[in-house]
Protein backbone atom coordinates (compact mmCIF):
# COMPACT_ATOMS: atom_id res chain seq x y z
CA MET A 1 0.09 -0.12 0.44
CA ARG A 2 2.59 2.61 0.82
CA TRP A 3 4.16 1.58 -2.71
CA ARG A 4 1.51 3.55 -4.42
CA TRP A 5 1.74 6.61 -2.00
CA LEU A 6 5.17 7.20 -2.83
CA LEU A 7 3.67 6.45 -6.56
CA LEU A 8 1.39 8.81 -6.40
CA ALA A 9 4.01 11.34 -4.32
CA LEU A 10 6.44 10.52 -7.99
CA LEU A 11 3.73 11.68 -10.51
CA LEU A 12 2.62 15.01 -8.04
CA SER A 13 6.05 15.99 -8.36
CA LEU A 14 6.43 15.79 -11.74
CA LEU A 15 3.55 18.22 -12.41
CA PRO A 16 5.29 21.48 -11.46
CA SER A 17 6.49 21.80 -14.72
CA ALA A 18 7.19 20.03 -18.41
CA ALA A 19 10.09 22.11 -19.27
CA LEU A 20 12.94 21.74 -18.57
CA ALA A 21 12.92 24.20 -15.21
CA HIS A 22 14.13 25.19 -12.43
CA VAL A 23 13.54 27.87 -9.60
CA PRO A 24 13.25 31.12 -11.28
CA GLU A 25 15.75 33.78 -11.06
CA GLY A 26 15.09 36.12 -7.48
CA GLY A 27 13.51 32.67 -6.07
CA ALA A 28 13.12 33.03 -2.40
CA GLY A 29 17.15 31.92 -0.42
CA SER A 30 14.56 29.74 1.77
CA VAL A 31 15.24 26.01 3.03
CA MET A 32 11.84 25.74 1.46
CA ALA A 33 12.99 26.74 -1.93
CA GLY A 34 15.71 24.29 -2.23
CA LEU A 35 13.64 21.13 -1.62
CA LEU A 36 11.50 22.11 -4.16
CA HIS A 37 14.09 23.22 -6.79
CA PRO A 38 15.16 19.29 -7.61
CA VAL A 39 11.26 18.56 -8.56
CA THR A 40 10.67 21.77 -10.62
CA GLY A 41 12.42 20.07 -13.91
CA ILE A 42 11.13 16.53 -14.97
CA ASP A 43 14.45 16.09 -16.23
CA HIS A 44 16.56 15.83 -12.30
CA VAL A 45 13.13 14.18 -11.19
CA VAL A 46 13.26 10.76 -13.10
CA ALA A 47 17.56 10.61 -13.04
CA MET A 48 16.83 10.71 -9.09
CA VAL A 49 14.48 8.80 -9.05
CA ALA A 50 16.57 6.62 -11.84
CA VAL A 51 19.71 6.46 -9.29
CA GLY A 52 17.68 4.87 -6.60
CA LEU A 53 15.87 2.06 -8.54
CA TRP A 54 18.88 1.17 -10.59
CA GLY A 55 20.90 1.21 -6.97
CA ALA A 56 18.02 -1.44 -6.19
CA VAL A 57 18.74 -3.56 -9.37
CA LEU A 58 22.26 -3.68 -8.90
CA GLY A 59 21.58 -4.68 -5.23
CA ALA A 60 24.08 -4.69 -2.35
CA PRO A 61 26.23 -2.20 -1.50
CA ALA A 62 25.08 0.03 -4.76
CA ILE A 63 21.85 -0.34 -3.26
CA TRP A 64 22.66 2.26 -1.13
CA LEU A 65 26.32 3.23 -1.85
CA LEU A 66 25.02 5.08 -5.48
CA PRO A 67 22.42 6.90 -3.39
CA VAL A 68 24.38 7.98 -1.14
CA ALA A 69 27.61 8.90 -3.59
CA PHE A 70 25.33 10.93 -5.87
CA PRO A 71 24.00 14.05 -3.18
CA MET A 72 27.91 14.14 -2.26
CA VAL A 73 29.55 14.24 -6.06
CA MET A 74 26.37 16.76 -6.96
CA ALA A 75 27.05 19.35 -3.59
CA PHE A 76 31.06 19.47 -5.30
CA GLY A 77 29.36 20.06 -8.71
CA GLY A 78 27.10 22.34 -6.91
CA VAL A 79 30.39 24.01 -5.38
CA MET A 80 31.29 24.29 -9.46
CA GLY A 81 28.99 25.79 -10.53
CA LEU A 82 27.89 28.31 -7.50
CA LEU A 83 31.82 29.66 -8.63
CA ASP A 84 31.55 30.23 -11.89
CA LEU A 85 34.11 27.40 -12.95
CA PRO A 86 33.65 26.24 -16.50
CA LEU A 87 31.78 22.94 -17.14
CA PRO A 88 30.65 22.37 -20.66
CA GLY A 89 27.34 20.37 -21.40
CA VAL A 90 25.26 20.84 -18.42
CA GLU A 91 22.31 20.02 -19.91
CA THR A 92 22.63 17.47 -22.28
CA GLY A 93 24.81 15.98 -19.25
CA ILE A 94 21.39 16.26 -17.68
CA ALA A 95 19.50 14.65 -20.22
CA LEU A 96 21.58 12.13 -21.28
CA SER A 97 21.62 11.19 -17.45
CA ALA A 98 17.87 10.43 -17.33
CA LEU A 99 18.16 8.49 -21.33
CA VAL A 100 21.59 6.41 -19.97
CA LEU A 101 19.91 5.76 -16.48
CA GLY A 102 16.74 4.85 -17.63
CA VAL A 103 18.20 2.17 -20.76
CA LEU A 104 20.24 0.98 -17.72
CA VAL A 105 17.13 0.47 -15.53
CA MET A 106 14.70 -0.83 -18.19
CA LEU A 107 17.51 -3.76 -18.88
CA GLN A 108 17.98 -4.10 -15.58
CA GLN A 109 21.90 -3.94 -16.33
CA ARG A 110 24.72 -5.56 -13.77
CA LEU A 111 27.47 -3.50 -14.31
CA PRO A 112 30.99 -3.48 -12.41
CA LEU A 113 30.20 -1.65 -9.70
CA ALA A 114 32.96 1.31 -9.24
CA VAL A 115 31.66 1.96 -12.93
CA ALA A 116 28.03 2.15 -11.62
CA GLY A 117 29.87 5.27 -8.78
CA VAL A 118 31.76 6.84 -11.86
CA LEU A 119 29.12 6.51 -14.16
CA VAL A 120 26.67 8.07 -11.73
CA GLY A 121 29.23 10.62 -10.46
CA LEU A 122 29.69 11.74 -13.90
CA PHE A 123 26.27 12.74 -14.03
CA ALA A 124 25.96 14.03 -10.46
CA LEU A 125 28.06 16.66 -11.36
CA PHE A 126 26.24 18.04 -14.02
CA HIS A 127 22.76 18.10 -11.62
CA GLY A 128 24.85 19.67 -9.09
CA TYR A 129 26.70 22.31 -11.22
CA ALA A 130 23.23 23.57 -12.89
CA HIS A 131 21.98 23.79 -8.90
CA GLY A 132 24.54 25.93 -8.04
CA VAL A 133 24.51 27.83 -10.92
CA GLU A 134 20.92 28.78 -10.20
CA LEU A 135 21.20 29.53 -7.04
CA PRO A 136 18.34 31.87 -6.32
CA GLU A 137 19.60 35.74 -5.75
CA GLY A 138 19.91 36.55 -2.39
CA ALA A 139 19.77 33.35 -1.47
CA ASP A 140 21.43 31.51 1.44
CA ALA A 141 23.85 29.12 -0.85
CA LEU A 142 24.19 26.32 2.67
CA LEU A 143 20.57 26.24 3.00
CA PHE A 144 19.60 26.20 0.22
CA SER A 145 22.41 23.64 -1.31
CA LEU A 146 21.33 21.59 1.85
CA ALA A 147 18.16 21.39 1.33
CA PHE A 148 18.14 20.74 -2.57
CA VAL A 149 20.75 17.60 -1.37
CA GLY A 150 17.92 15.87 1.04
CA ALA A 151 15.50 16.01 -1.81
CA THR A 152 17.33 14.39 -4.13
CA GLY A 153 18.41 11.81 -1.31
CA LEU A 154 14.03 11.52 -0.92
CA LEU A 155 13.81 10.84 -4.90
CA HIS A 156 15.99 8.08 -4.31
CA LEU A 157 14.43 6.75 -1.45
CA VAL A 158 10.98 6.73 -4.45
CA GLY A 159 13.31 5.01 -6.52
CA ILE A 160 14.44 2.55 -4.07
CA GLY A 161 11.29 2.13 -3.31
CA LEU A 162 9.91 1.23 -6.62
CA GLY A 163 12.95 -0.82 -7.35
CA GLU A 164 12.46 -2.80 -4.56
CA ALA A 165 9.32 -4.17 -6.41
CA ARG A 166 11.13 -6.11 -8.14
CA ARG A 167 10.21 -8.92 -5.93
CA LEU A 168 6.85 -8.86 -6.89
CA ALA A 169 5.46 -11.50 -9.51
CA TRP A 170 5.09 -8.12 -11.76
CA GLY A 171 8.22 -6.63 -10.20
CA ASP A 172 10.71 -7.02 -13.57
CA ARG A 173 8.11 -5.31 -15.58
CA LEU A 174 7.10 -2.35 -13.66
CA LEU A 175 10.80 -1.59 -13.63
CA GLN A 176 10.92 -2.28 -17.90
CA VAL A 177 8.03 0.35 -17.77
CA VAL A 178 9.34 2.70 -15.43
CA GLY A 179 13.04 2.89 -17.04
CA ALA A 180 11.14 3.32 -20.87
CA VAL A 181 9.44 6.45 -19.10
CA ILE A 182 12.42 7.45 -17.89
CA ALA A 183 14.60 6.59 -20.95
CA VAL A 184 11.74 8.79 -23.30
CA VAL A 185 12.27 11.54 -20.91
CA GLY A 186 16.07 11.75 -21.32
CA VAL A 187 15.08 11.42 -25.27
CA TRP A 188 12.86 14.45 -24.97
CA SER A 189 15.19 16.40 -22.96
CA LEU A 190 17.45 16.16 -24.85
CA ALA A 191 15.84 17.42 -27.90
CA GLN A 192 15.01 20.46 -26.11
CA VAL A 193 18.35 21.26 -25.30
CA GLY A 194 19.12 20.79 -29.00
CA GLY A 195 15.97 22.93 -29.67
CA ALA A 196 17.57 25.69 -27.55
């Protein structure tokens, strides 16, 4: 029954935007803005959920290692963005994260933990950089950053919860469908970047 509520929460989190949206410039620099930031863009949401899903597919220790590593590297990327250090292809990297992670979940692909960690870390760098660059004007960088890292962790937990459904008779099919949807969002996001 709880997984239904988690799925509903995930679907509702996708409603705020149908574009590559982020906190508007000049938005409140509060903890609430940081918590909402990762869920205002579908490209971010599906990638964060996919990290948890893929961790669940890979099993221990990836089920906890990937969702811990992602926010840590994302925070580093956020600092890079705050310092305005160059990182080319950020939006492309974010779109690719959804596409690649979606395909990996859909196929329930098992890669060595080190490879999985590097791949997830690379994607986390792009996501973090975008958050750092888009810090709302006048925001407290530390509070905003801690909040968006916390929200990211919650999205990973949603993914882990969905991934645990693989233990059910219809769980493999659910992972294939969810992975395919995430990959389609990645393709759509790539098209948006290409059209910009």
